[in-house]
C-alpha atoms as a PDB file:
ATOM      1  CA  UNK A   1    -152.992  62.748  12.192  1.00  0.00           C
ATOM      2  CA  UNK A   2    -153.057  66.332  11.017  1.00  0.00           C
ATOM      3  CA  UNK A   3    -150.444  67.749   8.698  1.00  0.00           C
ATOM      4  CA  UNK A   4    -149.233  70.104  11.415  1.00  0.00           C
ATOM      5  CA  UNK A   5    -148.762  67.279  13.916  1.00  0.00           C
ATOM      6  CA  UNK A   6    -146.967  65.170  11.317  1.00  0.00           C
ATOM      7  CA  UNK A   7    -144.599  68.043  10.493  1.00  0.00           C
ATOM      8  CA  UNK A   8    -143.867  68.626  14.181  1.00  0.00           C
ATOM      9  CA  UNK A   9    -143.143  64.922  14.611  1.00  0.00           C
ATOM     10  CA  UNK A  10    -140.772  64.925  11.618  1.00  0.00           C
ATOM     11  CA  UNK A  11    -139.019  68.022  12.930  1.00  0.00           C
ATOM     12  CA  UNK A  12    -138.712  66.374  16.338  1.00  0.00           C
ATOM     13  CA  UNK A  13    -137.025  63.327  14.816  1.00  0.00           C
ATOM     14  CA  UNK A  14    -134.690  65.554  12.803  1.00  0.00           C
ATOM     15  CA  UNK A  15    -133.675  67.535  15.890  1.00  0.00           C
ATOM     16  CA  UNK A  16    -133.296  64.316  17.859  1.00  0.00           C
ATOM     17  CA  UNK A  17    -130.770  63.050  15.295  1.00  0.00           C
ATOM     18  CA  UNK A  18    -128.789  66.272  15.676  1.00  0.00           C
ATOM     19  CA  UNK A  19    -128.904  65.836  19.450  1.00  0.00           C
ATOM     20  CA  UNK A  20    -127.484  62.342  19.089  1.00  0.00           C
ATOM     21  CA  UNK A  21    -124.616  63.719  17.001  1.00  0.00           C
ATOM     22  CA  UNK A  22    -123.880  66.380  19.615  1.00  0.00           C
ATOM     23  CA  UNK A  23    -124.073  63.721  22.323  1.00  0.00           C
ATOM     24  CA  UNK A  24    -121.503  61.549  20.543  1.00  0.00           C
ATOM     25  CA  UNK A  25    -119.193  64.534  20.121  1.00  0.00           C
ATOM     26  CA  UNK A  26    -119.669  65.364  23.787  1.00  0.00           C
ATOM     27  CA  UNK A  27    -118.809  61.818  24.837  1.00  0.00           C
ATOM     28  CA  UNK A  28    -115.684  61.904  22.696  1.00  0.00           C
ATOM     29  CA  UNK A  29    -114.600  65.187  24.283  1.00  0.00           C
ATOM     30  CA  UNK A  30    -115.214  63.851  27.802  1.00  0.00           C
ATOM     31  CA  UNK A  31    -113.260  60.717  26.886  1.00  0.00           C
ATOM     32  CA  UNK A  32    -110.377  62.887  25.711  1.00  0.00           C
ATOM     33  CA  UNK A  33    -110.545  64.815  28.989  1.00  0.00           C
ATOM     34  CA  UNK A  34    -110.514  61.552  30.962  1.00  0.00           C
ATOM     35  CA  UNK A  35    -107.571  60.240  28.980  1.00  0.00           C
ATOM     36  CA  UNK A  36    -105.565  63.402  29.606  1.00  0.00           C
ATOM     37  CA  UNK A  37    -106.626  63.452  33.262  1.00  0.00           C
ATOM     38  CA  UNK A  38    -105.043  60.077  33.995  1.00  0.00           C
ATOM     39  CA  UNK A  39    -101.722  60.659  35.740  1.00  0.00           C
ATOM     40  CA  UNK A  40     -98.596  60.007  33.734  1.00  0.00           C
ATOM     41  CA  UNK A  41     -95.503  58.760  35.536  1.00  0.00           C
ATOM     42  CA  UNK A  42     -92.136  60.443  35.204  1.00  0.00           C
ATOM     43  CA  UNK A  43     -93.330  63.977  34.505  1.00  0.00           C
ATOM     44  CA  UNK A  44     -91.869  67.014  36.242  1.00  0.00           C
ATOM     45  CA  UNK A  45     -93.703  69.915  37.853  1.00  0.00           C
ATOM     46  CA  UNK A  46     -93.380  72.058  34.709  1.00  0.00           C
ATOM     47  CA  UNK A  47     -95.134  69.408  32.641  1.00  0.00           C
ATOM     48  CA  UNK A  48     -97.883  69.223  35.262  1.00  0.00           C
ATOM     49  CA  UNK A  49     -98.502  72.974  35.007  1.00  0.00           C
ATOM     50  CA  UNK A  50     -98.805  72.696  31.223  1.00  0.00           C
ATOM     51  CA  UNK A  51    -101.075  69.681  31.592  1.00  0.00           C
ATOM     52  CA  UNK A  52    -103.336  71.504  34.018  1.00  0.00           C
ATOM     53  CA  UNK A  53    -103.794  74.360  31.540  1.00  0.00           C
ATOM     54  CA  UNK A  54    -104.511  71.855  28.784  1.00  0.00           C
ATOM     55  CA  UNK A  55    -107.002  70.038  31.011  1.00  0.00           C
ATOM     56  CA  UNK A  56    -108.878  73.248  31.745  1.00  0.00           C
ATOM     57  CA  UNK A  57    -109.046  73.964  28.010  1.00  0.00           C
ATOM     58  CA  UNK A  58    -110.275  70.470  27.194  1.00  0.00           C
ATOM     59  CA  UNK A  59    -112.817  70.700  30.003  1.00  0.00           C
ATOM     60  CA  UNK A  60    -114.111  73.997  28.625  1.00  0.00           C
ATOM     61  CA  UNK A  61    -114.362  72.482  25.156  1.00  0.00           C
ATOM     62  CA  UNK A  62    -116.183  69.396  26.500  1.00  0.00           C
ATOM     63  CA  UNK A  63    -118.819  71.460  28.270  1.00  0.00           C
ATOM     64  CA  UNK A  64    -119.951  73.255  25.088  1.00  0.00           C
ATOM     65  CA  UNK A  65    -121.217  70.199  23.130  1.00  0.00           C
ATOM     66  CA  UNK A  66    -122.733  68.833  26.343  1.00  0.00           C
ATOM     67  CA  UNK A  67    -124.866  71.949  26.742  1.00  0.00           C
ATOM     68  CA  UNK A  68    -125.815  71.937  23.054  1.00  0.00           C
ATOM     69  CA  UNK A  69    -126.772  68.242  23.200  1.00  0.00           C
ATOM     70  CA  UNK A  70    -128.956  68.863  26.235  1.00  0.00           C
ATOM     71  CA  UNK A  71    -130.650  71.862  24.647  1.00  0.00           C
ATOM     72  CA  UNK A  72    -131.388  70.011  21.399  1.00  0.00           C
ATOM     73  CA  UNK A  73    -132.794  67.029  23.299  1.00  0.00           C
ATOM     74  CA  UNK A  74    -135.105  69.328  25.259  1.00  0.00           C
ATOM     75  CA  UNK A  75    -136.176  71.026  22.026  1.00  0.00           C
ATOM     76  CA  UNK A  76    -136.928  67.651  20.421  1.00  0.00           C
ATOM     77  CA  UNK A  77    -139.074  66.673  23.422  1.00  0.00           C
ATOM     78  CA  UNK A  78    -140.962  69.967  23.170  1.00  0.00           C
ATOM     79  CA  UNK A  79    -141.650  69.286  19.485  1.00  0.00           C
ATOM     80  CA  UNK A  80    -142.940  65.788  20.290  1.00  0.00           C
ATOM     81  CA  UNK A  81    -145.279  67.189  22.958  1.00  0.00           C
ATOM     82  CA  UNK A  82    -146.549  69.850  20.578  1.00  0.00           C
ATOM     83  CA  UNK A  83    -147.219  67.141  17.987  1.00  0.00           C
ATOM     84  CA  UNK A  84    -149.215  65.163  20.543  1.00  0.00           C
ATOM     85  CA  UNK A  85    -151.300  68.212  21.431  1.00  0.00           C
ATOM     86  CA  UNK A  86    -151.927  69.023  17.758  1.00  0.00           C
ATOM     87  CA  UNK A  87    -153.740  65.716  17.251  1.00  0.00           C
END
């Protein structure tokens, strides 16, 4: 294995670890969204309006780490393919 291919492989593993971290954060955010989405009994219409604004905010925050996790996973796969071609 050439030094270039080995470095690409190491970089791919490093990026893949970051992607896993982003994925875990994303799952936690989606879990938080799901928890807040479950209906709560005994709330009035004013509380529902506040909850809907909070849900939209949580949803927006959950989408960001999901996109980052996807992008880093794709980048890791590209690095692994480049390492294979460098052999």
